[in-house]
PDB file of all heavy atoms in Angstrom:
ATOM      1  N   GLY A   1     264.553-142.873-122.491  1.00  0.00           N
ATOM      2  CA  GLY A   1     263.866-141.639-122.168  1.00  0.00           C
ATOM      3  C   GLY A   1     263.787-140.634-123.251  1.00  0.00           C
ATOM      4  O   GLY A   1     263.347-139.494-123.054  1.00  0.00           O
ATOM      5  N   ARG A   2     264.177-141.003-124.454  1.00  0.00           N
ATOM      6  CA  ARG A   2     264.185-140.070-125.597  1.00  0.00           C
ATOM      7  C   ARG A   2     262.838-140.102-126.326  1.00  0.00           C
ATOM      8  O   ARG A   2     262.229-141.172-126.456  1.00  0.00           O
ATOM      9  CB  ARG A   2     265.257-140.480-126.599  1.00  0.00           C
ATOM     10  CG  ARG A   2     266.652-140.481-126.010  1.00  0.00           C
ATOM     11  CD  ARG A   2     267.638-141.297-126.834  1.00  0.00           C
ATOM     12  NE  ARG A   2     267.674-140.887-128.249  1.00  0.00           N
ATOM     13  CZ  ARG A   2     267.120-141.607-129.257  1.00  0.00           C
ATOM     14  NH1 ARG A   2     266.487-142.689-128.958  1.00  0.00           N
ATOM     15  NH2 ARG A   2     267.220-141.132-130.482  1.00  0.00           N
ATOM     16  N   THR A   3     262.381-138.957-126.727  1.00  0.00           N
ATOM     17  CA  THR A   3     261.109-138.858-127.507  1.00  0.00           C
ATOM     18  C   THR A   3     261.374-138.670-128.964  1.00  0.00           C
ATOM     19  O   THR A   3     262.225-137.827-129.357  1.00  0.00           O
ATOM     20  CB  THR A   3     260.254-137.652-126.985  1.00  0.00           C
ATOM     21  OG1 THR A   3     259.992-137.864-125.589  1.00  0.00           O
ATOM     22  CG2 THR A   3     258.939-137.552-127.742  1.00  0.00           C
ATOM     23  N   LEU A   4     260.734-139.458-129.757  1.00  0.00           N
ATOM     24  CA  LEU A   4     260.870-139.410-131.234  1.00  0.00           C
ATOM     25  C   LEU A   4     259.504-139.225-131.822  1.00  0.00           C
ATOM     26  O   LEU A   4     258.504-139.692-131.308  1.00  0.00           O
ATOM     27  CB  LEU A   4     261.574-140.646-131.771  1.00  0.00           C
ATOM     28  CG  LEU A   4     262.975-140.954-131.258  1.00  0.00           C
ATOM     29  CD1 LEU A   4     262.962-141.846-130.090  1.00  0.00           C
ATOM     30  CD2 LEU A   4     263.775-141.622-132.364  1.00  0.00           C
ATOM     31  N   GLU A   5     259.482-138.593-133.001  1.00  0.00           N
ATOM     32  CA  GLU A   5     258.240-138.359-133.722  1.00  0.00           C
ATOM     33  C   GLU A   5     258.369-138.841-135.176  1.00  0.00           C
ATOM     34  O   GLU A   5     259.375-138.563-135.846  1.00  0.00           O
ATOM     35  CB  GLU A   5     257.857-136.884-133.740  1.00  0.00           C
ATOM     36  CG  GLU A   5     256.565-136.605-134.485  1.00  0.00           C
ATOM     37  CD  GLU A   5     256.195-135.169-134.442  1.00  0.00           C
ATOM     38  OE1 GLU A   5     256.775-134.386-133.659  1.00  0.00           O
ATOM     39  OE2 GLU A   5     255.225-134.755-135.194  1.00  0.00           O
ATOM     40  N   PHE A   6     257.427-139.682-135.634  1.00  0.00           N
ATOM     41  CA  PHE A   6     257.415-140.187-136.961  1.00  0.00           C
ATOM     42  C   PHE A   6     256.150-139.724-137.660  1.00  0.00           C
ATOM     43  O   PHE A   6     255.084-139.697-137.086  1.00  0.00           O
ATOM     44  CB  PHE A   6     257.465-141.730-136.980  1.00  0.00           C
ATOM     45  CG  PHE A   6     258.685-142.289-136.343  1.00  0.00           C
ATOM     46  CD1 PHE A   6     258.766-142.517-134.962  1.00  0.00           C
ATOM     47  CD2 PHE A   6     259.782-142.613-137.093  1.00  0.00           C
ATOM     48  CE1 PHE A   6     259.864-143.069-134.366  1.00  0.00           C
ATOM     49  CE2 PHE A   6     260.931-143.161-136.518  1.00  0.00           C
ATOM     50  CZ  PHE A   6     260.958-143.387-135.137  1.00  0.00           C
ATOM     51  N   ASP A   7     256.269-139.346-138.934  1.00  0.00           N
ATOM     52  CA  ASP A   7     255.079-138.972-139.708  1.00  0.00           C
ATOM     53  C   ASP A   7     254.106-140.120-139.791  1.00  0.00           C
ATOM     54  O   ASP A   7     252.836-139.927-139.689  1.00  0.00           O
ATOM     55  CB  ASP A   7     255.472-138.522-141.103  1.00  0.00           C
ATOM     56  CG  ASP A   7     256.040-137.110-141.143  1.00  0.00           C
ATOM     57  OD1 ASP A   7     255.872-136.388-140.144  1.00  0.00           O
ATOM     58  OD2 ASP A   7     256.692-136.751-142.143  1.00  0.00           O
ATOM     59  N   GLU A   8     254.590-141.318-140.022  1.00  0.00           N
ATOM     60  CA  GLU A   8     253.793-142.554-140.137  1.00  0.00           C
ATOM     61  C   GLU A   8     254.575-143.656-139.509  1.00  0.00           C
ATOM     62  O   GLU A   8     255.769-143.547-139.185  1.00  0.00           O
ATOM     63  CB  GLU A   8     253.492-142.825-141.618  1.00  0.00           C
ATOM     64  CG  GLU A   8     252.660-141.769-142.264  1.00  0.00           C
ATOM     65  CD  GLU A   8     252.320-142.158-143.727  1.00  0.00           C
ATOM     66  OE1 GLU A   8     253.237-142.152-144.534  1.00  0.00           O
ATOM     67  OE2 GLU A   8     251.125-142.438-144.007  1.00  0.00           O
ATOM     68  N   HIS A   9     253.907-144.804-139.455  1.00  0.00           N
ATOM     69  CA  HIS A   9     254.623-146.020-138.961  1.00  0.00           C
ATOM     70  C   HIS A   9     255.676-146.403-139.939  1.00  0.00           C
ATOM     71  O   HIS A   9     255.474-146.428-141.151  1.00  0.00           O
ATOM     72  CB  HIS A   9     253.619-147.187-138.812  1.00  0.00           C
ATOM     73  CG  HIS A   9     252.633-146.991-137.743  1.00  0.00           C
ATOM     74  ND1 HIS A   9     251.340-146.462-137.982  1.00  0.00           N
ATOM     75  CD2 HIS A   9     252.667-147.132-136.434  1.00  0.00           C
ATOM     76  CE1 HIS A   9     250.668-146.365-136.870  1.00  0.00           C
ATOM     77  NE2 HIS A   9     251.462-146.806-135.870  1.00  0.00           N
ATOM     78  N   PRO A  10     256.864-146.680-139.432  1.00  0.00           N
ATOM     79  CA  PRO A  10     257.972-146.988-140.354  1.00  0.00           C
ATOM     80  C   PRO A  10     257.757-148.296-141.102  1.00  0.00           C
ATOM     81  O   PRO A  10     257.214-149.254-140.596  1.00  0.00           O
ATOM     82  CB  PRO A  10     259.180-147.087-139.429  1.00  0.00           C
ATOM     83  CG  PRO A  10     258.625-147.381-138.064  1.00  0.00           C
ATOM     84  CD  PRO A  10     257.262-146.701-138.020  1.00  0.00           C
ATOM     85  N   ASP A  11     258.282-148.304-142.365  1.00  0.00           N
ATOM     86  CA  ASP A  11     258.190-149.523-143.196  1.00  0.00           C
ATOM     87  C   ASP A  11     259.468-150.360-143.060  1.00  0.00           C
ATOM     88  O   ASP A  11     259.359-151.581-143.277  1.00  0.00           O
ATOM     89  CB  ASP A  11     258.017-149.102-144.639  1.00  0.00           C
ATOM     90  CG  ASP A  11     256.615-148.666-144.977  1.00  0.00           C
ATOM     91  OD1 ASP A  11     255.649-149.288-144.518  1.00  0.00           O
ATOM     92  OD2 ASP A  11     256.493-147.635-145.685  1.00  0.00           O
ATOM     93  N   ARG A  12     260.549-149.719-142.787  1.00  0.00           N
ATOM     94  CA  ARG A  12     261.847-150.414-142.851  1.00  0.00           C
ATOM     95  C   ARG A  12     262.515-150.279-141.499  1.00  0.00           C
ATOM     96  O   ARG A  12     263.094-149.193-141.159  1.00  0.00           O
ATOM     97  CB  ARG A  12     262.664-149.911-143.993  1.00  0.00           C
ATOM     98  CG  ARG A  12     262.029-150.044-145.366  1.00  0.00           C
ATOM     99  CD  ARG A  12     262.904-149.550-146.489  1.00  0.00           C
ATOM    100  NE  ARG A  12     264.153-150.325-146.582  1.00  0.00           N
ATOM    101  CZ  ARG A  12     264.241-151.508-147.184  1.00  0.00           C
ATOM    102  NH1 ARG A  12     263.218-152.025-147.722  1.00  0.00           N
ATOM    103  NH2 ARG A  12     265.430-152.114-147.205  1.00  0.00           N
ATOM    104  N   ILE A  13     262.596-151.355-140.750  1.00  0.00           N
ATOM    105  CA  ILE A  13     263.147-151.410-139.438  1.00  0.00           C
ATOM    106  C   ILE A  13     264.342-152.331-139.381  1.00  0.00           C
ATOM    107  O   ILE A  13     264.250-153.482-139.866  1.00  0.00           O
ATOM    108  CB  ILE A  13     262.118-151.790-138.355  1.00  0.00           C
ATOM    109  CG1 ILE A  13     260.959-150.817-138.340  1.00  0.00           C
ATOM    110  CG2 ILE A  13     262.750-151.946-136.998  1.00  0.00           C
ATOM    111  CD1 ILE A  13     259.797-151.278-137.438  1.00  0.00           C
ATOM    112  N   VAL A  14     265.443-151.898-138.845  1.00  0.00           N
ATOM    113  CA  VAL A  14     266.612-152.733-138.598  1.00  0.00           C
ATOM    114  C   VAL A  14     266.685-153.085-137.136  1.00  0.00           C
ATOM    115  O   VAL A  14     266.622-152.139-136.247  1.00  0.00           O
ATOM    116  CB  VAL A  14     267.922-152.047-139.063  1.00  0.00           C
ATOM    117  CG1 VAL A  14     269.123-152.872-138.593  1.00  0.00           C
ATOM    118  CG2 VAL A  14     267.928-151.846-140.554  1.00  0.00           C
ATOM    119  N   LEU A  15     266.729-154.364-136.805  1.00  0.00           N
ATOM    120  CA  LEU A  15     266.917-154.772-135.413  1.00  0.00           C
ATOM    121  C   LEU A  15     268.397-155.034-135.211  1.00  0.00           C
ATOM    122  O   LEU A  15     268.958-156.031-135.599  1.00  0.00           O
ATOM    123  CB  LEU A  15     266.127-156.085-135.148  1.00  0.00           C
ATOM    124  CG  LEU A  15     264.609-155.969-135.308  1.00  0.00           C
ATOM    125  CD1 LEU A  15     263.953-157.362-135.040  1.00  0.00           C
ATOM    126  CD2 LEU A  15     263.977-154.949-134.421  1.00  0.00           C
ATOM    127  N   ALA A  16     269.032-154.023-134.561  1.00  0.00           N
ATOM    128  CA  ALA A  16     270.468-154.138-134.372  1.00  0.00           C
ATOM    129  C   ALA A  16     270.830-155.349-133.499  1.00  0.00           C
ATOM    130  O   ALA A  16     271.910-155.946-133.613  1.00  0.00           O
ATOM    131  CB  ALA A  16     271.027-152.882-133.731  1.00  0.00           C
ATOM    132  N   GLU A  17     269.930-155.721-132.608  1.00  0.00           N
ATOM    133  CA  GLU A  17     270.049-156.993-131.877  1.00  0.00           C
ATOM    134  C   GLU A  17     268.976-157.921-132.446  1.00  0.00           C
ATOM    135  O   GLU A  17     267.785-157.692-132.268  1.00  0.00           O
ATOM    136  CB  GLU A  17     269.859-156.819-130.362  1.00  0.00           C
ATOM    137  CG  GLU A  17     269.985-158.121-129.591  1.00  0.00           C
ATOM    138  CD  GLU A  17     270.252-157.968-128.185  1.00  0.00           C
ATOM    139  OE1 GLU A  17     271.411-157.654-127.773  1.00  0.00           O
ATOM    140  OE2 GLU A  17     269.329-158.185-127.372  1.00  0.00           O
ATOM    141  N   GLY A  18     269.412-158.975-133.045  1.00  0.00           N
ATOM    142  CA  GLY A  18     268.528-159.861-133.739  1.00  0.00           C
ATOM    143  C   GLY A  18     267.545-160.530-132.868  1.00  0.00           C
ATOM    144  O   GLY A  18     266.395-160.880-133.242  1.00  0.00           O
ATOM    145  N   ARG A  19     267.930-160.723-131.576  1.00  0.00           N
ATOM    146  CA  ARG A  19     267.034-161.408-130.661  1.00  0.00           C
ATOM    147  C   ARG A  19     265.810-160.560-130.264  1.00  0.00           C
ATOM    148  O   ARG A  19     264.940-161.031-129.572  1.00  0.00           O
ATOM    149  CB  ARG A  19     267.809-161.812-129.427  1.00  0.00           C
ATOM    150  CG  ARG A  19     268.661-163.068-129.586  1.00  0.00           C
ATOM    151  CD  ARG A  19     269.600-163.313-128.458  1.00  0.00           C
ATOM    152  NE  ARG A  19     270.643-162.237-128.354  1.00  0.00           N
ATOM    153  CZ  ARG A  19     271.569-162.225-127.437  1.00  0.00           C
ATOM    154  NH1 ARG A  19     271.592-163.150-126.500  1.00  0.00           N
ATOM    155  NH2 ARG A  19     272.492-161.242-127.436  1.00  0.00           N
ATOM    156  N   ALA A  20     265.703-159.374-130.812  1.00  0.00           N
ATOM    157  CA  ALA A  20     264.499-158.553-130.578  1.00  0.00           C
ATOM    158  C   ALA A  20     263.330-159.178-131.271  1.00  0.00           C
ATOM    159  O   ALA A  20     262.185-158.814-130.984  1.00  0.00           O
ATOM    160  CB  ALA A  20     264.727-157.125-131.077  1.00  0.00           C
ATOM    161  N   VAL A  21     263.554-160.207-132.102  1.00  0.00           N
ATOM    162  CA  VAL A  21     262.427-160.890-132.737  1.00  0.00           C
ATOM    163  C   VAL A  21     261.677-161.775-131.709  1.00  0.00           C
ATOM    164  O   VAL A  21     260.522-162.139-131.970  1.00  0.00           O
ATOM    165  CB  VAL A  21     262.841-161.768-133.952  1.00  0.00           C
ATOM    166  CG1 VAL A  21     263.347-160.940-135.085  1.00  0.00           C
ATOM    167  CG2 VAL A  21     263.893-162.807-133.551  1.00  0.00           C
ATOM    168  N   PHE A  22     262.249-162.035-130.551  1.00  0.00           N
ATOM    169  CA  PHE A  22     261.427-162.594-129.470  1.00  0.00           C
ATOM    170  C   PHE A  22     260.289-161.643-129.195  1.00  0.00           C
ATOM    171  O   PHE A  22     259.146-162.097-129.032  1.00  0.00           O
ATOM    172  CB  PHE A  22     262.286-162.747-128.199  1.00  0.00           C
ATOM    173  CG  PHE A  22     263.129-163.947-128.145  1.00  0.00           C
ATOM    174  CD1 PHE A  22     264.517-163.885-128.191  1.00  0.00           C
ATOM    175  CD2 PHE A  22     262.573-165.208-127.924  1.00  0.00           C
ATOM    176  CE1 PHE A  22     265.350-164.968-128.113  1.00  0.00           C
ATOM    177  CE2 PHE A  22     263.362-166.344-127.852  1.00  0.00           C
ATOM    178  CZ  PHE A  22     264.744-166.267-127.936  1.00  0.00           C
ATOM    179  N   ALA A  23     260.578-160.354-129.116  1.00  0.00           N
ATOM    180  CA  ALA A  23     259.531-159.357-128.833  1.00  0.00           C
ATOM    181  C   ALA A  23     258.561-159.173-129.977  1.00  0.00           C
ATOM    182  O   ALA A  23     257.337-159.156-129.796  1.00  0.00           O
ATOM    183  CB  ALA A  23     260.218-158.005-128.466  1.00  0.00           C
ATOM    184  N   THR A  24     259.078-159.064-131.175  1.00  0.00           N
ATOM    185  CA  THR A  24     258.171-158.843-132.326  1.00  0.00           C
ATOM    186  C   THR A  24     257.305-160.045-132.589  1.00  0.00           C
ATOM    187  O   THR A  24     256.182-159.915-133.058  1.00  0.00           O
ATOM    188  CB  THR A  24     258.977-158.509-133.608  1.00  0.00           C
ATOM    189  OG1 THR A  24     259.795-159.596-133.991  1.00  0.00           O
ATOM    190  CG2 THR A  24     259.778-157.229-133.457  1.00  0.00           C
ATOM    191  N   SER A  25     257.749-161.271-132.112  1.00  0.00           N
ATOM    192  CA  SER A  25     256.939-162.445-132.237  1.00  0.00           C
ATOM    193  C   SER A  25     255.679-162.353-131.433  1.00  0.00           C
ATOM    194  O   SER A  25     254.642-162.983-131.795  1.00  0.00           O
ATOM    195  CB  SER A  25     257.732-163.675-131.800  1.00  0.00           C
ATOM    196  OG  SER A  25     258.844-163.944-132.643  1.00  0.00           O
ATOM    197  N   ALA A  26     255.699-161.665-130.322  1.00  0.00           N
ATOM    198  CA  ALA A  26     254.506-161.532-129.475  1.00  0.00           C
ATOM    199  C   ALA A  26     253.571-160.413-129.936  1.00  0.00           C
ATOM    200  O   ALA A  26     252.476-160.288-129.431  1.00  0.00           O
ATOM    201  CB  ALA A  26     254.953-161.240-128.018  1.00  0.00           C
ATOM    202  N   LEU A  27     254.034-159.683-130.982  1.00  0.00           N
ATOM    203  CA  LEU A  27     253.266-158.529-131.376  1.00  0.00           C
ATOM    204  C   LEU A  27     252.596-158.673-132.757  1.00  0.00           C
ATOM    205  O   LEU A  27     251.587-158.038-133.005  1.00  0.00           O
ATOM    206  CB  LEU A  27     254.136-157.235-131.471  1.00  0.00           C
ATOM    207  CG  LEU A  27     254.655-156.773-130.084  1.00  0.00           C
ATOM    208  CD1 LEU A  27     255.659-155.605-130.282  1.00  0.00           C
ATOM    209  CD2 LEU A  27     253.537-156.375-129.164  1.00  0.00           C
ATOM    210  N   GLN A  28     253.103-159.583-133.574  1.00  0.00           N
ATOM    211  CA  GLN A  28     252.560-159.705-134.928  1.00  0.00           C
ATOM    212  C   GLN A  28     252.676-161.126-135.412  1.00  0.00           C
ATOM    213  O   GLN A  28     253.554-161.900-134.970  1.00  0.00           O
ATOM    214  CB  GLN A  28     253.229-158.769-135.881  1.00  0.00           C
ATOM    215  CG  GLN A  28     254.763-158.724-135.877  1.00  0.00           C
ATOM    216  CD  GLN A  28     255.333-157.589-136.666  1.00  0.00           C
ATOM    217  OE1 GLN A  28     254.639-156.696-137.126  1.00  0.00           O
ATOM    218  NE2 GLN A  28     256.652-157.591-136.905  1.00  0.00           N
ATOM    219  N   ASP A  29     251.816-161.513-136.351  1.00  0.00           N
ATOM    220  CA  ASP A  29     251.733-162.869-136.819  1.00  0.00           C
ATOM    221  C   ASP A  29     253.037-163.283-137.494  1.00  0.00           C
ATOM    222  O   ASP A  29     253.411-164.449-137.475  1.00  0.00           O
ATOM    223  CB  ASP A  29     250.573-163.027-137.775  1.00  0.00           C
ATOM    224  CG  ASP A  29     249.202-162.890-137.110  1.00  0.00           C
ATOM    225  OD1 ASP A  29     249.181-163.077-135.863  1.00  0.00           O
ATOM    226  OD2 ASP A  29     248.258-162.549-137.773  1.00  0.00           O
ATOM    227  N   ASP A  30     253.712-162.360-138.201  1.00  0.00           N
ATOM    228  CA  ASP A  30     255.008-162.620-138.774  1.00  0.00           C
ATOM    229  C   ASP A  30     255.980-161.753-138.068  1.00  0.00           C
ATOM    230  O   ASP A  30     255.986-160.501-138.262  1.00  0.00           O
ATOM    231  CB  ASP A  30     254.954-162.322-140.283  1.00  0.00           C
ATOM    232  CG  ASP A  30     256.304-162.656-140.975  1.00  0.00           C
ATOM    233  OD1 ASP A  30     257.349-162.783-140.255  1.00  0.00           O
ATOM    234  OD2 ASP A  30     256.320-162.744-142.233  1.00  0.00           O
ATOM    235  N   PRO A  31     256.920-162.266-137.266  1.00  0.00           N
ATOM    236  CA  PRO A  31     257.800-161.433-136.476  1.00  0.00           C
ATOM    237  C   PRO A  31     258.763-160.563-137.346  1.00  0.00           C
ATOM    238  O   PRO A  31     259.364-159.628-136.865  1.00  0.00           O
ATOM    239  CB  PRO A  31     258.580-162.413-135.682  1.00  0.00           C
ATOM    240  CG  PRO A  31     258.429-163.748-136.339  1.00  0.00           C
ATOM    241  CD  PRO A  31     257.092-163.687-136.981  1.00  0.00           C
ATOM    242  N   PHE A  32     258.875-160.940-138.656  1.00  0.00           N
ATOM    243  CA  PHE A  32     259.740-160.214-139.533  1.00  0.00           C
ATOM    244  C   PHE A  32     259.051-159.136-140.399  1.00  0.00           C
ATOM    245  O   PHE A  32     259.644-158.507-141.208  1.00  0.00           O
ATOM    246  CB  PHE A  32     260.474-161.178-140.461  1.00  0.00           C
ATOM    247  CG  PHE A  32     261.427-162.141-139.757  1.00  0.00           C
ATOM    248  CD1 PHE A  32     261.020-163.404-139.468  1.00  0.00           C
ATOM    249  CD2 PHE A  32     262.670-161.708-139.368  1.00  0.00           C
ATOM    250  CE1 PHE A  32     261.917-164.282-138.769  1.00  0.00           C
ATOM    251  CE2 PHE A  32     263.566-162.560-138.690  1.00  0.00           C
ATOM    252  CZ  PHE A  32     263.179-163.839-138.392  1.00  0.00           C
ATOM    253  N   ASP A  33     257.744-158.976-140.196  1.00  0.00           N
ATOM    254  CA  ASP A  33     257.035-157.895-140.894  1.00  0.00           C
ATOM    255  C   ASP A  33     257.708-156.532-140.628  1.00  0.00           C
ATOM    256  O   ASP A  33     257.910-156.196-139.440  1.00  0.00           O
ATOM    257  CB  ASP A  33     255.570-157.861-140.444  1.00  0.00           C
ATOM    258  CG  ASP A  33     254.677-158.771-141.260  1.00  0.00           C
ATOM    259  OD1 ASP A  33     255.205-159.375-142.252  1.00  0.00           O
ATOM    260  OD2 ASP A  33     253.488-158.937-140.892  1.00  0.00           O
ATOM    261  N   ASN A  34     257.986-155.781-141.700  1.00  0.00           N
ATOM    262  CA  ASN A  34     258.595-154.505-141.594  1.00  0.00           C
ATOM    263  C   ASN A  34     260.022-154.529-141.093  1.00  0.00           C
ATOM    264  O   ASN A  34     260.683-153.469-140.859  1.00  0.00           O
ATOM    265  CB  ASN A  34     257.788-153.518-140.744  1.00  0.00           C
ATOM    266  CG  ASN A  34     256.453-153.172-141.368  1.00  0.00           C
ATOM    267  OD1 ASN A  34     256.252-153.313-142.582  1.00  0.00           O
ATOM    268  ND2 ASN A  34     255.531-152.696-140.537  1.00  0.00           N
ATOM    269  N   ILE A  35     260.587-155.696-140.876  1.00  0.00           N
ATOM    270  CA  ILE A  35     261.985-155.840-140.508  1.00  0.00           C
ATOM    271  C   ILE A  35     262.807-156.134-141.783  1.00  0.00           C
ATOM    272  O   ILE A  35     262.446-156.973-142.591  1.00  0.00           O
ATOM    273  CB  ILE A  35     262.218-157.038-139.497  1.00  0.00           C
ATOM    274  CG1 ILE A  35     261.256-156.897-138.335  1.00  0.00           C
ATOM    275  CG2 ILE A  35     263.679-157.016-139.039  1.00  0.00           C
ATOM    276  CD1 ILE A  35     261.342-155.607-137.539  1.00  0.00           C
ATOM    277  N   VAL A  36     263.838-155.333-142.021  1.00  0.00           N
ATOM    278  CA  VAL A  36     264.619-155.469-143.246  1.00  0.00           C
ATOM    279  C   VAL A  36     266.056-156.054-142.975  1.00  0.00           C
ATOM    280  O   VAL A  36     266.720-156.514-143.944  1.00  0.00           O
ATOM    281  CB  VAL A  36     264.745-154.161-143.987  1.00  0.00           C
ATOM    282  CG1 VAL A  36     263.378-153.690-144.448  1.00  0.00           C
ATOM    283  CG2 VAL A  36     265.419-153.065-143.142  1.00  0.00           C
TER     284      VAL A  36
END
């Protein structure tokens, strides 16, 4: 329920739970794009 504001889309994202790539797989052609 927290609101955050970013100037632009982030370039460098850390997935503290690695299995979140299940989700990013459904959103982009390369699930690791912008994931560092």
